[in-house]
Amino acid sequence: MWTLNAADYDDQIAADWPQQPIPLPPMPQH
């Protein structure tokens, strides 16, 4: 079981993990 709620978990990640842009896969052309 998680002892931290989603907000606290996200805050911890934001504090420990540098903010980097997430590369998105190319969208299929329709």
PDB file of N, CA and C in Angstrom:
ATOM      1  N   MET A   1       0.847  -1.209   0.000  1.00  0.00           N
ATOM      2  CA  MET A   1       0.000   0.000   0.000  1.00  0.00           C
ATOM      3  C   MET A   1       0.878   1.253   0.000  1.00  0.00           C
ATOM      4  N   TRP A   2       0.429   2.262  -0.755  1.00  0.00           N
ATOM      5  CA  TRP A   2       1.166   3.519  -0.785  1.00  0.00           C
ATOM      6  C   TRP A   2       0.887   4.288   0.500  1.00  0.00           C
ATOM      7  N   THR A   3       1.931   4.833   1.079  1.00  0.00           N
ATOM      8  CA  THR A   3       1.753   5.614   2.306  1.00  0.00           C
ATOM      9  C   THR A   3       1.610   7.099   1.982  1.00  0.00           C
ATOM     10  N   LEU A   4       1.851   7.464   0.719  1.00  0.00           N
ATOM     11  CA  LEU A   4       1.717   8.856   0.309  1.00  0.00           C
ATOM     12  C   LEU A   4       0.554   8.975  -0.658  1.00  0.00           C
ATOM     13  N   ASN A   5      -0.154  10.082  -0.589  1.00  0.00           N
ATOM     14  CA  ASN A   5      -1.235  10.280  -1.548  1.00  0.00           C
ATOM     15  C   ASN A   5      -0.644  10.774  -2.863  1.00  0.00           C
ATOM     16  N   ALA A   6      -1.449  10.885  -3.887  1.00  0.00           N
ATOM     17  CA  ALA A   6      -0.956  11.221  -5.220  1.00  0.00           C
ATOM     18  C   ALA A   6      -0.241  12.572  -5.229  1.00  0.00           C
ATOM     19  N   ALA A   7      -0.788  13.549  -4.529  1.00  0.00           N
ATOM     20  CA  ALA A   7      -0.196  14.887  -4.530  1.00  0.00           C
ATOM     21  C   ALA A   7       1.188  14.862  -3.891  1.00  0.00           C
ATOM     22  N   ASP A   8       1.309  14.192  -2.752  1.00  0.00           N
ATOM     23  CA  ASP A   8       2.605  14.125  -2.074  1.00  0.00           C
ATOM     24  C   ASP A   8       3.603  13.353  -2.925  1.00  0.00           C
ATOM     25  N   TYR A   9       3.135  12.296  -3.578  1.00  0.00           N
ATOM     26  CA  TYR A   9       4.013  11.490  -4.422  1.00  0.00           C
ATOM     27  C   TYR A   9       4.519  12.331  -5.588  1.00  0.00           C
ATOM     28  N   ASP A  10       3.617  13.066  -6.230  1.00  0.00           N
ATOM     29  CA  ASP A  10       4.014  13.917  -7.349  1.00  0.00           C
ATOM     30  C   ASP A  10       4.990  14.991  -6.890  1.00  0.00           C
ATOM     31  N   ASP A  11       4.750  15.548  -5.700  1.00  0.00           N
ATOM     32  CA  ASP A  11       5.654  16.579  -5.180  1.00  0.00           C
ATOM     33  C   ASP A  11       7.040  15.991  -4.934  1.00  0.00           C
ATOM     34  N   GLN A  12       7.087  14.768  -4.429  1.00  0.00           N
ATOM     35  CA  GLN A  12       8.368  14.121  -4.163  1.00  0.00           C
ATOM     36  C   GLN A  12       9.110  13.868  -5.473  1.00  0.00           C
ATOM     37  N   ILE A  13       8.382  13.402  -6.483  1.00  0.00           N
ATOM     38  CA  ILE A  13       8.997  13.154  -7.789  1.00  0.00           C
ATOM     39  C   ILE A  13       9.506  14.470  -8.376  1.00  0.00           C
ATOM     40  N   ALA A  14       8.702  15.519  -8.284  1.00  0.00           N
ATOM     41  CA  ALA A  14       9.107  16.816  -8.828  1.00  0.00           C
ATOM     42  C   ALA A  14      10.363  17.321  -8.127  1.00  0.00           C
ATOM     43  N   ALA A  15      10.481  17.017  -6.837  1.00  0.00           N
ATOM     44  CA  ALA A  15      11.640  17.472  -6.076  1.00  0.00           C
ATOM     45  C   ALA A  15      12.889  16.659  -6.422  1.00  0.00           C
ATOM     46  N   ASP A  16      12.701  15.365  -6.664  1.00  0.00           N
ATOM     47  CA  ASP A  16      13.848  14.476  -6.868  1.00  0.00           C
ATOM     48  C   ASP A  16      14.178  14.271  -8.346  1.00  0.00           C
ATOM     49  N   TRP A  17      13.204  14.489  -9.217  1.00  0.00           N
ATOM     50  CA  TRP A  17      13.389  14.164 -10.633  1.00  0.00           C
ATOM     51  C   TRP A  17      13.391  15.461 -11.435  1.00  0.00           C
ATOM     52  N   PRO A  18      14.464  15.735 -12.173  1.00  0.00           N
ATOM     53  CA  PRO A  18      14.518  16.973 -12.957  1.00  0.00           C
ATOM     54  C   PRO A  18      13.405  17.004 -14.000  1.00  0.00           C
ATOM     55  N   GLN A  19      12.832  18.160 -14.197  1.00  0.00           N
ATOM     56  CA  GLN A  19      11.767  18.303 -15.191  1.00  0.00           C
ATOM     57  C   GLN A  19      12.371  18.225 -16.583  1.00  0.00           C
ATOM     58  N   GLN A  20      11.960  17.222 -17.347  1.00  0.00           N
ATOM     59  CA  GLN A  20      12.456  17.073 -18.707  1.00  0.00           C
ATOM     60  C   GLN A  20      11.272  16.886 -19.643  1.00  0.00           C
ATOM     61  N   PRO A  21      11.347  17.439 -20.851  1.00  0.00           N
ATOM     62  CA  PRO A  21      10.264  17.246 -21.812  1.00  0.00           C
ATOM     63  C   PRO A  21      10.158  15.777 -22.192  1.00  0.00           C
ATOM     64  N   ILE A  22       8.949  15.283 -22.288  1.00  0.00           N
ATOM     65  CA  ILE A  22       8.737  13.881 -22.642  1.00  0.00           C
ATOM     66  C   ILE A  22       8.537  13.787 -24.152  1.00  0.00           C
ATOM     67  N   PRO A  23       9.431  13.104 -24.858  1.00  0.00           N
ATOM     68  CA  PRO A  23       9.280  12.958 -26.307  1.00  0.00           C
ATOM     69  C   PRO A  23       8.026  12.155 -26.631  1.00  0.00           C
ATOM     70  N   LEU A  24       7.215  12.679 -27.530  1.00  0.00           N
ATOM     71  CA  LEU A  24       5.993  11.981 -27.921  1.00  0.00           C
ATOM     72  C   LEU A  24       6.222  11.234 -29.226  1.00  0.00           C
ATOM     73  N   PRO A  25       5.644  10.049 -29.361  1.00  0.00           N
ATOM     74  CA  PRO A  25       5.776   9.305 -30.613  1.00  0.00           C
ATOM     75  C   PRO A  25       5.045  10.043 -31.726  1.00  0.00           C
ATOM     76  N   PRO A  26       5.489   9.925 -32.960  1.00  0.00           N
ATOM     77  CA  PRO A  26       4.823  10.600 -34.080  1.00  0.00           C
ATOM     78  C   PRO A  26       3.394  10.099 -34.221  1.00  0.00           C
ATOM     79  N   MET A  27       2.478  11.026 -34.434  1.00  0.00           N
ATOM     80  CA  MET A  27       1.080  10.640 -34.585  1.00  0.00           C
ATOM     81  C   MET A  27       0.858  10.030 -35.964  1.00  0.00           C
ATOM     82  N   PRO A  28       0.067   8.966 -36.043  1.00  0.00           N
ATOM     83  CA  PRO A  28      -0.218   8.357 -37.356  1.00  0.00           C
ATOM     84  C   PRO A  28      -0.989   9.327 -38.242  1.00  0.00           C
ATOM     85  N   GLN A  29      -0.619   9.390 -39.479  1.00  0.00           N
ATOM     86  CA  GLN A  29      -1.292  10.290 -40.414  1.00  0.00           C
ATOM     87  C   GLN A  29      -2.527   9.611 -40.986  1.00  0.00           C
ATOM     88  N   HIS A  30      -3.672  10.281 -40.826  1.00  0.00           N
ATOM     89  CA  HIS A  30      -4.915   9.720 -41.369  1.00  0.00           C
ATOM     90  C   HIS A  30      -5.451  10.669 -42.422  1.00  0.00           C
TER      91      HIS A  30
END
